[in-house]
């Protein structure tokens, strides 16, 4: 099951990197820049990020995006918790630090 989830997440990241430039204003080379950042060691591999996040934030990963914001790479990870709450984590792609947590469904608002 974990392999299936990992495969699905990797597929979503590839898809997000492929369509991201269109939504972001047409920079056709964003996915190439993200891949190069990984090769240069500017970002951690997704599996490393997910392993760290899963220890502190249990839930099923339903979506992952890698974006460049204000000069740094951010993984946006959406989790579905067992009680039905949808949680969005903003994670620094360089070191795996969780920068922000927002949830809907368990408190009726943001956390």
PDB file of N, CA and C in Angstrom:
ATOM      1  N   UNK A   1       0.817  -1.194   0.000  1.00  0.00           N
ATOM      2  CA  UNK A   1       0.000   0.000   0.000  1.00  0.00           C
ATOM      3  C   UNK A   1       0.864   1.262   0.000  1.00  0.00           C
ATOM      4  N   UNK A   2       1.915   1.273   0.824  1.00  0.00           N
ATOM      5  CA  UNK A   2       2.781   2.449   0.892  1.00  0.00           C
ATOM      6  C   UNK A   2       3.430   2.722  -0.460  1.00  0.00           C
ATOM      7  N   UNK A   3       3.800   1.654  -1.188  1.00  0.00           N
ATOM      8  CA  UNK A   3       4.391   1.821  -2.512  1.00  0.00           C
ATOM      9  C   UNK A   3       3.395   2.455  -3.465  1.00  0.00           C
ATOM     10  N   UNK A   4       2.132   2.041  -3.372  1.00  0.00           N
ATOM     11  CA  UNK A   4       1.099   2.616  -4.221  1.00  0.00           C
ATOM     12  C   UNK A   4       0.928   4.103  -3.935  1.00  0.00           C
ATOM     13  N   UNK A   5       0.885   4.472  -2.659  1.00  0.00           N
ATOM     14  CA  UNK A   5       0.751   5.878  -2.288  1.00  0.00           C
ATOM     15  C   UNK A   5       1.957   6.671  -2.764  1.00  0.00           C
ATOM     16  N   UNK A   6       3.152   6.121  -2.553  1.00  0.00           N
ATOM     17  CA  UNK A   6       4.367   6.794  -2.994  1.00  0.00           C
ATOM     18  C   UNK A   6       4.355   7.003  -4.509  1.00  0.00           C
ATOM     19  N   UNK A   7       3.959   5.973  -5.249  1.00  0.00           N
ATOM     20  CA  UNK A   7       3.894   6.093  -6.706  1.00  0.00           C
ATOM     21  C   UNK A   7       2.894   7.157  -7.126  1.00  0.00           C
ATOM     22  N   UNK A   8       1.743   7.181  -6.449  1.00  0.00           N
ATOM     23  CA  UNK A   8       0.732   8.184  -6.771  1.00  0.00           C
ATOM     24  C   UNK A   8       1.239   9.586  -6.477  1.00  0.00           C
ATOM     25  N   UNK A   9       1.912   9.755  -5.355  1.00  0.00           N
ATOM     26  CA  UNK A   9       2.437  11.066  -4.972  1.00  0.00           C
ATOM     27  C   UNK A   9       3.502  11.527  -5.964  1.00  0.00           C
ATOM     28  N   UNK A  10       4.397  10.634  -6.314  1.00  0.00           N
ATOM     29  CA  UNK A  10       5.441  10.987  -7.294  1.00  0.00           C
ATOM     30  C   UNK A  10       4.792  11.390  -8.611  1.00  0.00           C
ATOM     31  N   UNK A  11       3.768  10.666  -9.012  1.00  0.00           N
ATOM     32  CA  UNK A  11       3.046  11.015 -10.241  1.00  0.00           C
ATOM     33  C   UNK A  11       2.410  12.391 -10.157  1.00  0.00           C
ATOM     34  N   UNK A  12       1.851  12.707  -8.985  1.00  0.00           N
ATOM     35  CA  UNK A  12       1.236  14.025  -8.801  1.00  0.00           C
ATOM     36  C   UNK A  12       2.275  15.132  -8.857  1.00  0.00           C
ATOM     37  N   UNK A  13       3.441  14.895  -8.275  1.00  0.00           N
ATOM     38  CA  UNK A  13       4.491  15.915  -8.300  1.00  0.00           C
ATOM     39  C   UNK A  13       4.959  16.146  -9.730  1.00  0.00           C
ATOM     40  N   UNK A  14       5.156  15.067 -10.471  1.00  0.00           N
ATOM     41  CA  UNK A  14       5.576  15.206 -11.872  1.00  0.00           C
ATOM     42  C   UNK A  14       4.513  15.970 -12.650  1.00  0.00           C
ATOM     43  N   UNK A  15       3.243  15.617 -12.421  1.00  0.00           N
ATOM     44  CA  UNK A  15       2.167  16.325 -13.111  1.00  0.00           C
ATOM     45  C   UNK A  15       2.128  17.791 -12.714  1.00  0.00           C
ATOM     46  N   UNK A  16       2.278  18.063 -11.418  1.00  0.00           N
ATOM     47  CA  UNK A  16       2.262  19.453 -10.951  1.00  0.00           C
ATOM     48  C   UNK A  16       3.410  20.252 -11.549  1.00  0.00           C
ATOM     49  N   UNK A  17       4.572  19.628 -11.635  1.00  0.00           N
ATOM     50  CA  UNK A  17       5.722  20.323 -12.216  1.00  0.00           C
ATOM     51  C   UNK A  17       5.522  20.556 -13.706  1.00  0.00           C
ATOM     52  N   UNK A  18       4.798  19.654 -14.346  1.00  0.00           N
ATOM     53  CA  UNK A  18       4.564  19.785 -15.777  1.00  0.00           C
ATOM     54  C   UNK A  18       3.551  20.875 -16.093  1.00  0.00           C
ATOM     55  N   UNK A  19       2.479  20.984 -15.278  1.00  0.00           N
ATOM     56  CA  UNK A  19       1.454  21.979 -15.569  1.00  0.00           C
ATOM     57  C   UNK A  19       1.662  23.279 -14.805  1.00  0.00           C
ATOM     58  N   UNK A  20       2.496  23.257 -13.791  1.00  0.00           N
ATOM     59  CA  UNK A  20       2.736  24.441 -12.979  1.00  0.00           C
ATOM     60  C   UNK A  20       3.110  25.677 -13.772  1.00  0.00           C
ATOM     61  N   UNK A  21       3.994  25.565 -14.759  1.00  0.00           N
ATOM     62  CA  UNK A  21       4.406  26.751 -15.497  1.00  0.00           C
ATOM     63  C   UNK A  21       3.259  27.446 -16.207  1.00  0.00           C
ATOM     64  N   UNK A  22       2.273  26.702 -16.681  1.00  0.00           N
ATOM     65  CA  UNK A  22       1.149  27.314 -17.367  1.00  0.00           C
ATOM     66  C   UNK A  22       0.358  28.170 -16.389  1.00  0.00           C
ATOM     67  N   UNK A  23       0.085  27.610 -15.203  1.00  0.00           N
ATOM     68  CA  UNK A  23      -0.676  28.333 -14.199  1.00  0.00           C
ATOM     69  C   UNK A  23       0.117  29.510 -13.639  1.00  0.00           C
ATOM     70  N   UNK A  24       1.415  29.406 -13.640  1.00  0.00           N
ATOM     71  CA  UNK A  24       2.256  30.437 -13.032  1.00  0.00           C
ATOM     72  C   UNK A  24       2.634  31.542 -14.008  1.00  0.00           C
ATOM     73  N   UNK A  25       2.141  31.474 -15.224  1.00  0.00           N
ATOM     74  CA  UNK A  25       2.407  32.580 -16.129  1.00  0.00           C
ATOM     75  C   UNK A  25       3.261  32.205 -17.314  1.00  0.00           C
ATOM     76  N   UNK A  26       3.466  30.920 -17.569  1.00  0.00           N
ATOM     77  CA  UNK A  26       4.080  30.520 -18.810  1.00  0.00           C
ATOM     78  C   UNK A  26       5.562  30.239 -18.782  1.00  0.00           C
ATOM     79  N   UNK A  27       6.196  30.152 -17.632  1.00  0.00           N
ATOM     80  CA  UNK A  27       7.608  29.796 -17.586  1.00  0.00           C
ATOM     81  C   UNK A  27       7.732  28.308 -17.885  1.00  0.00           C
ATOM     82  N   UNK A  28       8.090  27.975 -19.129  1.00  0.00           N
ATOM     83  CA  UNK A  28       8.113  26.587 -19.590  1.00  0.00           C
ATOM     84  C   UNK A  28       9.237  25.765 -18.990  1.00  0.00           C
ATOM     85  N   UNK A  29      10.102  26.360 -18.213  1.00  0.00           N
ATOM     86  CA  UNK A  29      11.260  25.631 -17.718  1.00  0.00           C
ATOM     87  C   UNK A  29      11.246  25.400 -16.206  1.00  0.00           C
ATOM     88  N   UNK A  30      10.092  25.612 -15.552  1.00  0.00           N
ATOM     89  CA  UNK A  30      10.013  25.417 -14.105  1.00  0.00           C
ATOM     90  C   UNK A  30      10.338  23.990 -13.703  1.00  0.00           C
ATOM     91  N   UNK A  31       9.814  23.018 -14.433  1.00  0.00           N
ATOM     92  CA  UNK A  31      10.096  21.625 -14.059  1.00  0.00           C
ATOM     93  C   UNK A  31      11.573  21.295 -14.234  1.00  0.00           C
ATOM     94  N   UNK A  32      12.199  21.867 -15.242  1.00  0.00           N
ATOM     95  CA  UNK A  32      13.631  21.657 -15.432  1.00  0.00           C
ATOM     96  C   UNK A  32      14.429  22.324 -14.306  1.00  0.00           C
ATOM     97  N   UNK A  33      13.987  23.499 -13.878  1.00  0.00           N
ATOM     98  CA  UNK A  33      14.657  24.193 -12.774  1.00  0.00           C
ATOM     99  C   UNK A  33      14.523  23.411 -11.477  1.00  0.00           C
ATOM    100  N   UNK A  34      13.347  22.816 -11.252  1.00  0.00           N
ATOM    101  CA  UNK A  34      13.144  22.012 -10.037  1.00  0.00           C
ATOM    102  C   UNK A  34      14.039  20.775 -10.057  1.00  0.00           C
ATOM    103  N   UNK A  35      14.126  20.113 -11.186  1.00  0.00           N
ATOM    104  CA  UNK A  35      14.990  18.929 -11.309  1.00  0.00           C
ATOM    105  C   UNK A  35      16.446  19.316 -11.104  1.00  0.00           C
ATOM    106  N   UNK A  36      16.843  20.435 -11.671  1.00  0.00           N
ATOM    107  CA  UNK A  36      18.224  20.899 -11.502  1.00  0.00           C
ATOM    108  C   UNK A  36      18.505  21.254 -10.039  1.00  0.00           C
ATOM    109  N   UNK A  37      17.506  21.832  -9.357  1.00  0.00           N
ATOM    110  CA  UNK A  37      17.679  22.161  -7.933  1.00  0.00           C
ATOM    111  C   UNK A  37      17.913  20.894  -7.119  1.00  0.00           C
ATOM    112  N   UNK A  38      17.220  19.827  -7.443  1.00  0.00           N
ATOM    113  CA  UNK A  38      17.428  18.551  -6.764  1.00  0.00           C
ATOM    114  C   UNK A  38      18.838  18.034  -7.035  1.00  0.00           C
ATOM    115  N   UNK A  39      19.261  18.103  -8.279  1.00  0.00           N
ATOM    116  CA  UNK A  39      20.596  17.629  -8.645  1.00  0.00           C
ATOM    117  C   UNK A  39      21.694  18.466  -7.982  1.00  0.00           C
ATOM    118  N   UNK A  40      21.437  19.753  -7.769  1.00  0.00           N
ATOM    119  CA  UNK A  40      22.418  20.625  -7.109  1.00  0.00           C
ATOM    120  C   UNK A  40      22.350  20.524  -5.590  1.00  0.00           C
ATOM    121  N   UNK A  41      21.391  19.785  -5.078  1.00  0.00           N
ATOM    122  CA  UNK A  41      21.256  19.641  -3.641  1.00  0.00           C
ATOM    123  C   UNK A  41      20.511  20.789  -2.970  1.00  0.00           C
ATOM    124  N   UNK A  42      19.805  21.597  -3.742  1.00  0.00           N
ATOM    125  CA  UNK A  42      19.044  22.710  -3.187  1.00  0.00           C
ATOM    126  C   UNK A  42      17.737  22.245  -2.550  1.00  0.00           C
ATOM    127  N   UNK A  43      17.246  21.083  -2.956  1.00  0.00           N
ATOM    128  CA  UNK A  43      16.018  20.527  -2.394  1.00  0.00           C
ATOM    129  C   UNK A  43      16.264  19.067  -2.043  1.00  0.00           C
ATOM    130  N   UNK A  44      15.546  18.600  -1.025  1.00  0.00           N
ATOM    131  CA  UNK A  44      15.609  17.191  -0.652  1.00  0.00           C
ATOM    132  C   UNK A  44      14.657  16.389  -1.545  1.00  0.00           C
ATOM    133  N   UNK A  45      14.940  15.123  -1.749  1.00  0.00           N
ATOM    134  CA  UNK A  45      14.006  14.287  -2.508  1.00  0.00           C
ATOM    135  C   UNK A  45      12.660  14.205  -1.779  1.00  0.00           C
ATOM    136  N   UNK A  46      11.610  14.043  -2.552  1.00  0.00           N
ATOM    137  CA  UNK A  46      10.267  13.977  -1.990  1.00  0.00           C
ATOM    138  C   UNK A  46      10.149  12.882  -0.933  1.00  0.00           C
ATOM    139  N   UNK A  47      10.733  11.723  -1.175  1.00  0.00           N
ATOM    140  CA  UNK A  47      10.622  10.617  -0.212  1.00  0.00           C
ATOM    141  C   UNK A  47      11.204  11.023   1.150  1.00  0.00           C
ATOM    142  N   UNK A  48      12.303  11.738   1.145  1.00  0.00           N
ATOM    143  CA  UNK A  48      12.913  12.206   2.392  1.00  0.00           C
ATOM    144  C   UNK A  48      11.970  13.150   3.119  1.00  0.00           C
ATOM    145  N   UNK A  49      11.360  14.054   2.383  1.00  0.00           N
ATOM    146  CA  UNK A  49      10.410  15.006   2.965  1.00  0.00           C
ATOM    147  C   UNK A  49       9.216  14.257   3.551  1.00  0.00           C
ATOM    148  N   UNK A  50       8.659  13.316   2.795  1.00  0.00           N
ATOM    149  CA  UNK A  50       7.480  12.586   3.268  1.00  0.00           C
ATOM    150  C   UNK A  50       7.782  11.748   4.501  1.00  0.00           C
ATOM    151  N   UNK A  51       8.951  11.124   4.540  1.00  0.00           N
ATOM    152  CA  UNK A  51       9.326  10.344   5.724  1.00  0.00           C
ATOM    153  C   UNK A  51       9.340  11.230   6.968  1.00  0.00           C
ATOM    154  N   UNK A  52       9.884  12.418   6.835  1.00  0.00           N
ATOM    155  CA  UNK A  52       9.953  13.346   7.974  1.00  0.00           C
ATOM    156  C   UNK A  52       8.563  13.836   8.363  1.00  0.00           C
ATOM    157  N   UNK A  53       7.767  14.200   7.395  1.00  0.00           N
ATOM    158  CA  UNK A  53       6.438  14.731   7.655  1.00  0.00           C
ATOM    159  C   UNK A  53       5.537  13.674   8.292  1.00  0.00           C
ATOM    160  N   UNK A  54       5.623  12.430   7.809  1.00  0.00           N
ATOM    161  CA  UNK A  54       4.745  11.375   8.315  1.00  0.00           C
ATOM    162  C   UNK A  54       4.945  11.108   9.802  1.00  0.00           C
ATOM    163  N   UNK A  55       6.137  11.335  10.316  1.00  0.00           N
ATOM    164  CA  UNK A  55       6.398  11.130  11.746  1.00  0.00           C
ATOM    165  C   UNK A  55       5.647  12.136  12.615  1.00  0.00           C
ATOM    166  N   UNK A  56       5.519  13.367  12.135  1.00  0.00           N
ATOM    167  CA  UNK A  56       4.918  14.433  12.934  1.00  0.00           C
ATOM    168  C   UNK A  56       3.473  14.752  12.559  1.00  0.00           C
ATOM    169  N   UNK A  57       3.073  14.390  11.351  1.00  0.00           N
ATOM    170  CA  UNK A  57       1.743  14.743  10.843  1.00  0.00           C
ATOM    171  C   UNK A  57       1.126  13.521  10.163  1.00  0.00           C
ATOM    172  N   UNK A  58       0.480  12.645  10.953  1.00  0.00           N
ATOM    173  CA  UNK A  58      -0.101  11.441  10.358  1.00  0.00           C
ATOM    174  C   UNK A  58      -1.268  11.783   9.432  1.00  0.00           C
ATOM    175  N   UNK A  59      -1.427  10.963   8.417  1.00  0.00           N
ATOM    176  CA  UNK A  59      -2.522  11.134   7.472  1.00  0.00           C
ATOM    177  C   UNK A  59      -2.130  10.583   6.118  1.00  0.00           C
ATOM    178  N   UNK A  60      -3.093  10.543   5.226  1.00  0.00           N
ATOM    179  CA  UNK A  60      -2.868  10.048   3.873  1.00  0.00           C
ATOM    180  C   UNK A  60      -2.532  11.228   2.966  1.00  0.00           C
ATOM    181  N   UNK A  61      -1.399  11.155   2.302  1.00  0.00           N
ATOM    182  CA  UNK A  61      -0.999  12.202   1.365  1.00  0.00           C
ATOM    183  C   UNK A  61      -1.921  12.127   0.156  1.00  0.00           C
ATOM    184  N   UNK A  62      -2.577  13.251  -0.149  1.00  0.00           N
ATOM    185  CA  UNK A  62      -3.489  13.284  -1.288  1.00  0.00           C
ATOM    186  C   UNK A  62      -2.997  14.193  -2.416  1.00  0.00           C
ATOM    187  N   UNK A  63      -2.048  15.082  -2.102  1.00  0.00           N
ATOM    188  CA  UNK A  63      -1.516  15.961  -3.147  1.00  0.00           C
ATOM    189  C   UNK A  63      -0.190  16.562  -2.689  1.00  0.00           C
ATOM    190  N   UNK A  64       0.722  16.710  -3.642  1.00  0.00           N
ATOM    191  CA  UNK A  64       2.012  17.352  -3.366  1.00  0.00           C
ATOM    192  C   UNK A  64       2.344  18.264  -4.537  1.00  0.00           C
ATOM    193  N   UNK A  65       2.798  19.461  -4.215  1.00  0.00           N
ATOM    194  CA  UNK A  65       3.293  20.390  -5.235  1.00  0.00           C
ATOM    195  C   UNK A  65       4.643  20.925  -4.781  1.00  0.00           C
ATOM    196  N   UNK A  66       5.521  21.150  -5.730  1.00  0.00           N
ATOM    197  CA  UNK A  66       6.798  21.795  -5.448  1.00  0.00           C
ATOM    198  C   UNK A  66       6.791  23.132  -6.166  1.00  0.00           C
ATOM    199  N   UNK A  67       6.907  24.204  -5.380  1.00  0.00           N
ATOM    200  CA  UNK A  67       6.830  25.542  -5.944  1.00  0.00           C
ATOM    201  C   UNK A  67       7.999  26.392  -5.484  1.00  0.00           C
ATOM    202  N   UNK A  68       8.312  27.366  -6.276  1.00  0.00           N
ATOM    203  CA  UNK A  68       9.346  28.345  -5.929  1.00  0.00           C
ATOM    204  C   UNK A  68       8.635  29.585  -5.423  1.00  0.00           C
ATOM    205  N   UNK A  69       8.850  29.934  -4.142  1.00  0.00           N
ATOM    206  CA  UNK A  69       8.192  31.090  -3.541  1.00  0.00           C
ATOM    207  C   UNK A  69       9.226  31.968  -2.848  1.00  0.00           C
ATOM    208  N   UNK A  70       9.280  33.214  -3.244  1.00  0.00           N
ATOM    209  CA  UNK A  70      10.173  34.197  -2.622  1.00  0.00           C
ATOM    210  C   UNK A  70      11.617  33.695  -2.550  1.00  0.00           C
ATOM    211  N   UNK A  71      12.068  33.085  -3.628  1.00  0.00           N
ATOM    212  CA  UNK A  71      13.459  32.661  -3.709  1.00  0.00           C
ATOM    213  C   UNK A  71      13.782  31.315  -3.095  1.00  0.00           C
ATOM    214  N   UNK A  72      12.778  30.595  -2.587  1.00  0.00           N
ATOM    215  CA  UNK A  72      13.075  29.267  -2.043  1.00  0.00           C
ATOM    216  C   UNK A  72      12.014  28.266  -2.498  1.00  0.00           C
ATOM    217  N   UNK A  73      12.440  27.007  -2.497  1.00  0.00           N
ATOM    218  CA  UNK A  73      11.558  25.911  -2.900  1.00  0.00           C
ATOM    219  C   UNK A  73      10.715  25.475  -1.711  1.00  0.00           C
ATOM    220  N   UNK A  74       9.417  25.293  -1.974  1.00  0.00           N
ATOM    221  CA  UNK A  74       8.459  24.888  -0.942  1.00  0.00           C
ATOM    222  C   UNK A  74       7.671  23.687  -1.463  1.00  0.00           C
ATOM    223  N   UNK A  75       7.626  22.623  -0.655  1.00  0.00           N
ATOM    224  CA  UNK A  75       6.699  21.523  -0.930  1.00  0.00           C
ATOM    225  C   UNK A  75       5.388  21.876  -0.249  1.00  0.00           C
ATOM    226  N   UNK A  76       4.300  21.881  -1.010  1.00  0.00           N
ATOM    227  CA  UNK A  76       2.963  22.019  -0.441  1.00  0.00           C
ATOM    228  C   UNK A  76       2.373  20.615  -0.412  1.00  0.00           C
ATOM    229  N   UNK A  77       2.113  20.116   0.785  1.00  0.00           N
ATOM    230  CA  UNK A  77       1.646  18.746   0.958  1.00  0.00           C
ATOM    231  C   UNK A  77       0.264  18.789   1.583  1.00  0.00           C
ATOM    232  N   UNK A  78      -0.694  18.121   0.948  1.00  0.00           N
ATOM    233  CA  UNK A  78      -2.041  18.022   1.500  1.00  0.00           C
ATOM    234  C   UNK A  78      -2.249  16.611   2.026  1.00  0.00           C
ATOM    235  N   UNK A  79      -2.707  16.541   3.284  1.00  0.00           N
ATOM    236  CA  UNK A  79      -2.961  15.267   3.956  1.00  0.00           C
ATOM    237  C   UNK A  79      -4.432  15.169   4.310  1.00  0.00           C
ATOM    238  N   UNK A  80      -4.945  13.942   4.293  1.00  0.00           N
ATOM    239  CA  UNK A  80      -6.286  13.669   4.783  1.00  0.00           C
ATOM    240  C   UNK A  80      -6.132  12.864   6.059  1.00  0.00           C
ATOM    241  N   UNK A  81      -6.582  13.433   7.175  1.00  0.00           N
ATOM    242  CA  UNK A  81      -6.480  12.744   8.464  1.00  0.00           C
ATOM    243  C   UNK A  81      -7.638  11.766   8.621  1.00  0.00           C
ATOM    244  N   UNK A  82      -7.473  10.823   9.538  1.00  0.00           N
ATOM    245  CA  UNK A  82      -8.467   9.770   9.720  1.00  0.00           C
ATOM    246  C   UNK A  82      -9.853  10.315  10.068  1.00  0.00           C
ATOM    247  N   UNK A  83      -9.937  11.441  10.750  1.00  0.00           N
ATOM    248  CA  UNK A  83     -11.225  12.038  11.088  1.00  0.00           C
ATOM    249  C   UNK A  83     -11.847  12.838   9.959  1.00  0.00           C
ATOM    250  N   UNK A  84     -11.174  12.931   8.828  1.00  0.00           N
ATOM    251  CA  UNK A  84     -11.703  13.642   7.677  1.00  0.00           C
ATOM    252  C   UNK A  84     -11.148  15.039   7.479  1.00  0.00           C
ATOM    253  N   UNK A  85     -10.305  15.503   8.378  1.00  0.00           N
ATOM    254  CA  UNK A  85      -9.735  16.844   8.236  1.00  0.00           C
ATOM    255  C   UNK A  85      -8.722  16.866   7.096  1.00  0.00           C
ATOM    256  N   UNK A  86      -8.775  17.911   6.300  1.00  0.00           N
ATOM    257  CA  UNK A  86      -7.795  18.133   5.237  1.00  0.00           C
ATOM    258  C   UNK A  86      -6.753  19.104   5.779  1.00  0.00           C
ATOM    259  N   UNK A  87      -5.489  18.710   5.717  1.00  0.00           N
ATOM    260  CA  UNK A  87      -4.399  19.513   6.270  1.00  0.00           C
ATOM    261  C   UNK A  87      -3.435  19.874   5.148  1.00  0.00           C
ATOM    262  N   UNK A  88      -3.037  21.135   5.099  1.00  0.00           N
ATOM    263  CA  UNK A  88      -2.021  21.582   4.137  1.00  0.00           C
ATOM    264  C   UNK A  88      -0.780  21.977   4.922  1.00  0.00           C
ATOM    265  N   UNK A  89       0.338  21.370   4.535  1.00  0.00           N
ATOM    266  CA  UNK A  89       1.630  21.688   5.133  1.00  0.00           C
ATOM    267  C   UNK A  89       2.471  22.410   4.099  1.00  0.00           C
ATOM    268  N   UNK A  90       3.102  23.488   4.505  1.00  0.00           N
ATOM    269  CA  UNK A  90       4.118  24.141   3.674  1.00  0.00           C
ATOM    270  C   UNK A  90       5.452  23.738   4.271  1.00  0.00           C
ATOM    271  N   UNK A  91       6.290  23.081   3.457  1.00  0.00           N
ATOM    272  CA  UNK A  91       7.537  22.507   3.947  1.00  0.00           C
ATOM    273  C   UNK A  91       8.699  23.065   3.134  1.00  0.00           C
ATOM    274  N   UNK A  92       9.713  23.558   3.841  1.00  0.00           N
ATOM    275  CA  UNK A  92      10.930  24.032   3.187  1.00  0.00           C
ATOM    276  C   UNK A  92      11.593  22.840   2.503  1.00  0.00           C
ATOM    277  N   UNK A  93      11.701  22.889   1.196  1.00  0.00           N
ATOM    278  CA  UNK A  93      12.231  21.760   0.421  1.00  0.00           C
ATOM    279  C   UNK A  93      13.728  21.557   0.642  1.00  0.00           C
ATOM    280  N   UNK A  94      14.403  22.534   1.172  1.00  0.00           N
ATOM    281  CA  UNK A  94      15.847  22.437   1.387  1.00  0.00           C
ATOM    282  C   UNK A  94      16.193  21.572   2.587  1.00  0.00           C
ATOM    283  N   UNK A  95      15.379  21.706   3.671  1.00  0.00           N
ATOM    284  CA  UNK A  95      15.736  20.975   4.890  1.00  0.00           C
ATOM    285  C   UNK A  95      14.579  20.222   5.548  1.00  0.00           C
ATOM    286  N   UNK A  96      13.375  20.316   4.994  1.00  0.00           N
ATOM    287  CA  UNK A  96      12.239  19.580   5.533  1.00  0.00           C
ATOM    288  C   UNK A  96      11.535  20.248   6.701  1.00  0.00           C
ATOM    289  N   UNK A  97      11.873  21.492   7.008  1.00  0.00           N
ATOM    290  CA  UNK A  97      11.223  22.211   8.092  1.00  0.00           C
ATOM    291  C   UNK A  97       9.790  22.557   7.702  1.00  0.00           C
ATOM    292  N   UNK A  98       8.840  22.228   8.577  1.00  0.00           N
ATOM    293  CA  UNK A  98       7.447  22.602   8.331  1.00  0.00           C
ATOM    294  C   UNK A  98       7.301  24.086   8.655  1.00  0.00           C
ATOM    295  N   UNK A  99       6.928  24.847   7.646  1.00  0.00           N
ATOM    296  CA  UNK A  99       6.823  26.298   7.781  1.00  0.00           C
ATOM    297  C   UNK A  99       5.423  26.740   8.176  1.00  0.00           C
ATOM    298  N   UNK A 100       4.439  25.935   7.831  1.00  0.00           N
ATOM    299  CA  UNK A 100       3.069  26.305   8.146  1.00  0.00           C
ATOM    300  C   UNK A 100       2.150  25.109   8.055  1.00  0.00           C
ATOM    301  N   UNK A 101       1.092  25.138   8.865  1.00  0.00           N
ATOM    302  CA  UNK A 101       0.088  24.074   8.876  1.00  0.00           C
ATOM    303  C   UNK A 101      -1.277  24.738   8.856  1.00  0.00           C
ATOM    304  N   UNK A 102      -2.111  24.325   7.922  1.00  0.00           N
ATOM    305  CA  UNK A 102      -3.482  24.812   7.866  1.00  0.00           C
ATOM    306  C   UNK A 102      -4.399  23.600   7.758  1.00  0.00           C
ATOM    307  N   UNK A 103      -5.506  23.628   8.476  1.00  0.00           N
ATOM    308  CA  UNK A 103      -6.412  22.487   8.397  1.00  0.00           C
ATOM    309  C   UNK A 103      -7.856  22.957   8.284  1.00  0.00           C
ATOM    310  N   UNK A 104      -8.647  22.107   7.650  1.00  0.00           N
ATOM    311  CA  UNK A 104     -10.091  22.319   7.540  1.00  0.00           C
ATOM    312  C   UNK A 104     -10.753  20.982   7.854  1.00  0.00           C
ATOM    313  N   UNK A 105     -11.838  21.044   8.604  1.00  0.00           N
ATOM    314  CA  UNK A 105     -12.612  19.846   8.825  1.00  0.00           C
ATOM    315  C   UNK A 105     -12.628  19.350  10.252  1.00  0.00           C
ATOM    316  N   UNK A 106     -11.585  19.607  11.039  1.00  0.00           N
ATOM    317  CA  UNK A 106     -11.613  19.132  12.413  1.00  0.00           C
ATOM    318  C   UNK A 106     -11.930  20.244  13.409  1.00  0.00           C
ATOM    319  N   UNK A 107     -11.622  21.490  13.078  1.00  0.00           N
ATOM    320  CA  UNK A 107     -11.908  22.618  13.962  1.00  0.00           C
ATOM    321  C   UNK A 107     -12.861  23.609  13.304  1.00  0.00           C
ATOM    322  N   UNK A 108     -13.147  23.361  12.039  1.00  0.00           N
ATOM    323  CA  UNK A 108     -13.954  24.311  11.302  1.00  0.00           C
ATOM    324  C   UNK A 108     -13.182  25.546  10.889  1.00  0.00           C
ATOM    325  N   UNK A 109     -11.855  25.467  10.891  1.00  0.00           N
ATOM    326  CA  UNK A 109     -11.074  26.639  10.498  1.00  0.00           C
ATOM    327  C   UNK A 109      -9.623  26.335  10.391  1.00  0.00           C
ATOM    328  N   UNK A 110      -8.813  27.387  10.459  1.00  0.00           N
ATOM    329  CA  UNK A 110      -7.358  27.247  10.322  1.00  0.00           C
ATOM    330  C   UNK A 110      -6.726  27.011  11.674  1.00  0.00           C
ATOM    331  N   UNK A 111      -5.553  26.362  11.622  1.00  0.00           N
ATOM    332  CA  UNK A 111      -4.748  26.196  12.818  1.00  0.00           C
ATOM    333  C   UNK A 111      -3.415  26.820  12.609  1.00  0.00           C
TER     334      UNK A 111
END
